[in-house]
Protein backbone atom coordinates (compact mmCIF):
# COMPACT_ATOMS: atom_id res chain seq x y z
CA UNK A 1 0.03 -0.08 -0.57
CA UNK A 2 2.88 1.91 0.87
CA UNK A 3 3.98 1.76 -2.72
CA UNK A 4 0.68 2.96 -4.11
CA UNK A 5 0.83 6.15 -1.81
CA UNK A 6 4.05 7.68 -2.87
CA UNK A 7 3.44 8.09 -6.81
CA UNK A 8 -0.17 9.77 -6.22
CA UNK A 9 1.82 11.85 -3.59
CA UNK A 10 4.61 13.16 -5.80
CA UNK A 11 1.39 13.61 -8.52
CA UNK A 12 0.17 16.03 -5.94
CA UNK A 13 3.74 17.60 -5.56
CA UNK A 14 3.78 18.50 -8.96
CA UNK A 15 4.47 21.75 -10.08
CA UNK A 16 0.90 24.02 -10.21
CA UNK A 17 0.94 25.32 -13.68
CA UNK A 18 2.12 21.91 -15.05
CA UNK A 19 -0.35 20.70 -17.88
CA UNK A 20 -2.31 24.22 -17.99
CA UNK A 21 -4.77 25.80 -20.75
CA UNK A 22 -4.79 29.28 -21.23
CA UNK A 23 -7.84 29.13 -19.76
CA UNK A 24 -6.76 27.90 -16.69
CA UNK A 25 -3.93 30.24 -16.25
CA UNK A 26 -6.98 33.55 -16.66
CA UNK A 27 -9.30 31.74 -14.40
CA UNK A 28 -6.01 31.27 -12.00
CA UNK A 29 -5.35 34.71 -12.40
CA UNK A 30 -8.69 36.14 -10.97
CA UNK A 31 -8.91 33.64 -8.02
CA UNK A 32 -6.06 34.70 -7.02
CA UNK A 33 -7.11 38.76 -6.98
CA UNK A 34 -9.75 37.57 -5.54
CA UNK A 35 -7.46 36.14 -2.28
CA UNK A 36 -5.65 39.62 -2.64
CA UNK A 37 -2.48 37.71 -3.92
CA UNK A 38 -0.18 40.05 -6.28
CA UNK A 39 2.44 37.30 -6.10
CA UNK A 40 0.18 34.68 -7.36
CA UNK A 41 -0.60 36.92 -9.85
CA UNK A 42 2.92 37.64 -10.86
CA UNK A 43 4.15 34.12 -11.47
CA UNK A 44 1.20 34.14 -13.98
CA UNK A 45 2.63 37.32 -16.20
CA UNK A 46 5.30 37.41 -18.17
CA UNK A 47 7.90 40.30 -16.23
CA UNK A 48 7.05 43.39 -17.92
CA UNK A 49 4.11 41.78 -19.33
CA UNK A 50 1.19 45.64 -20.29
CA UNK A 51 -1.86 45.65 -19.02
CA UNK A 52 -3.92 47.80 -21.12
CA UNK A 53 -7.46 49.02 -21.41
CA UNK A 54 -9.50 50.62 -24.23
CA UNK A 55 -11.28 53.73 -22.32
CA UNK A 56 -14.92 55.02 -24.00
CA UNK A 57 -13.32 57.91 -26.45
CA UNK A 58 -10.88 55.76 -28.11
CA UNK A 59 -7.55 55.70 -26.56
CA UNK A 60 -5.47 53.79 -24.76
CA UNK A 61 -4.89 53.78 -21.08
CA UNK A 62 -1.24 52.15 -20.27
CA UNK A 63 0.23 50.19 -17.31
CA UNK A 64 1.51 46.74 -16.63
CA UNK A 65 0.68 43.37 -14.18
CA UNK A 66 2.93 44.41 -11.98
CA UNK A 67 0.84 47.70 -11.22
CA UNK A 68 -2.18 45.20 -10.87
CA UNK A 69 -0.63 43.21 -8.48
CA UNK A 70 0.89 45.48 -6.10
CA UNK A 71 -2.66 47.15 -5.49
CA UNK A 72 -3.79 43.50 -5.65
CA UNK A 73 -1.91 42.99 -2.25
CA UNK A 74 -3.14 45.93 -0.35
CA UNK A 75 -6.55 44.10 -0.80
CA UNK A 76 -7.48 41.79 1.88
CA UNK A 77 -8.73 38.75 0.53
CA UNK A 78 -12.60 38.96 -0.88
CA UNK A 79 -12.09 42.47 -1.54
CA UNK A 80 -12.46 42.23 -5.21
CA UNK A 81 -13.57 40.37 -7.06
CA UNK A 82 -13.66 39.81 -10.94
CA UNK A 83 -15.79 37.02 -11.97
CA UNK A 84 -15.49 36.21 -15.72
CA UNK A 85 -17.98 33.91 -17.84
CA UNK A 86 -18.16 32.65 -21.36
CA UNK A 87 -14.44 32.06 -21.51
CA UNK A 88 -13.24 31.63 -25.54
CA UNK A 89 -10.12 30.79 -26.58
CA UNK A 90 -10.21 32.21 -29.79
CA UNK A 91 -6.64 31.72 -31.22
CA UNK A 92 -4.51 28.37 -29.80
CA UNK A 93 -1.23 27.48 -31.30
CA UNK A 94 1.84 25.38 -29.75
CA UNK A 95 3.35 28.42 -28.03
CA UNK A 96 1.09 31.03 -28.63
CA UNK A 97 -2.49 31.65 -27.48
CA UNK A 98 -5.71 34.26 -26.99
CA UNK A 99 -8.27 34.27 -24.39
CA UNK A 100 -11.45 36.18 -24.06
CA UNK A 101 -13.26 36.75 -21.31
CA UNK A 102 -16.27 39.12 -20.62
CA UNK A 103 -16.38 39.98 -16.99
CA UNK A 104 -17.93 42.27 -13.95
CA UNK A 105 -16.38 43.31 -10.94
CA UNK A 106 -17.13 44.13 -7.76
CA UNK A 107 -15.48 45.38 -4.36
CA UNK A 108 -16.34 45.32 -1.30
CA UNK A 109 -19.67 43.98 -2.85
CA UNK A 110 -20.68 46.72 -5.08
CA UNK A 111 -20.11 46.22 -8.90
CA UNK A 112 -18.07 48.77 -9.84
CA UNK A 113 -18.15 47.94 -13.53
CA UNK A 114 -18.12 45.45 -16.53
CA UNK A 115 -16.44 44.84 -20.12
CA UNK A 116 -13.89 42.80 -22.20
CA UNK A 117 -10.82 40.95 -21.31
CA UNK A 118 -8.15 39.76 -23.95
CA UNK A 119 -5.58 38.83 -23.05
CA UNK A 120 -2.36 37.47 -24.91
CA UNK A 121 -0.28 34.12 -23.40
CA UNK A 122 3.29 32.58 -24.47
CA UNK A 123 4.11 28.90 -23.86
CA UNK A 124 7.84 28.96 -22.83
CA UNK A 125 9.82 26.17 -21.00
CA UNK A 126 7.76 26.96 -17.89
CA UNK A 127 4.28 26.36 -19.32
CA UNK A 128 1.74 29.24 -20.40
CA UNK A 129 2.37 32.80 -19.10
CA UNK A 130 0.34 35.92 -19.93
CA UNK A 131 2.55 38.23 -21.91
CA UNK A 132 -0.58 40.99 -23.05
CA UNK A 133 -3.37 41.64 -21.69
CA UNK A 134 -6.38 44.93 -22.90
CA UNK A 135 -9.77 45.43 -21.41
CA UNK A 136 -13.00 47.38 -22.83
CA UNK A 137 -15.36 48.65 -20.19
CA UNK A 138 -19.01 48.95 -20.85
CA UNK A 139 -21.34 51.29 -19.90
CA UNK A 140 -24.38 48.35 -20.67
CA UNK A 141 -25.90 47.51 -17.52
CA UNK A 142 -24.22 45.06 -16.07
CA UNK A 143 -26.58 42.16 -15.25
CA UNK A 144 -28.02 42.98 -18.88
CA UNK A 145 -24.45 42.66 -20.51
CA UNK A 146 -23.61 39.15 -18.61
CA UNK A 147 -27.22 37.72 -18.90
CA UNK A 148 -26.59 38.83 -23.54
CA UNK A 149 -22.73 37.88 -22.95
CA UNK A 150 -24.23 34.23 -21.19
CA UNK A 151 -26.61 33.98 -24.24
CA UNK A 152 -24.39 34.70 -27.54
CA UNK A 153 -21.67 32.71 -26.06
CA UNK A 154 -23.39 29.90 -24.70
CA UNK A 155 -21.99 26.42 -26.23
CA UNK A 156 -24.17 25.24 -29.14
């Protein structure tokens, strides 16, 4: 029996991101946000990865994942909750992927906004990592937005 338990224990001790997909990396990103864990965010992105926002006026607000992770580090666990849904991997090759993830974000239980995230991921020797992200907020009511997006992108 001991010989059976050892391989199981070793399998459970495998690197956290081994065998992950671009989709699951994006899910882990927002799990880290909810946990208030900037270091977990940093582990999922490449150094100097950009995180931009397409503003309603068409301009691009520029930022970095490091700035976002530093903000997340100031939060208590559960304070920020960006729920992603209808997540789609739009393109995928052996080493490059694009993931599209609509969202509704709350801070301390109050809905603050919604829109869509788009992430570009690259696969290196360390596995999938995010190298770029951009989001676009919507002015639409967030409840209606989520219902529409889930209906539009339901698995057929």
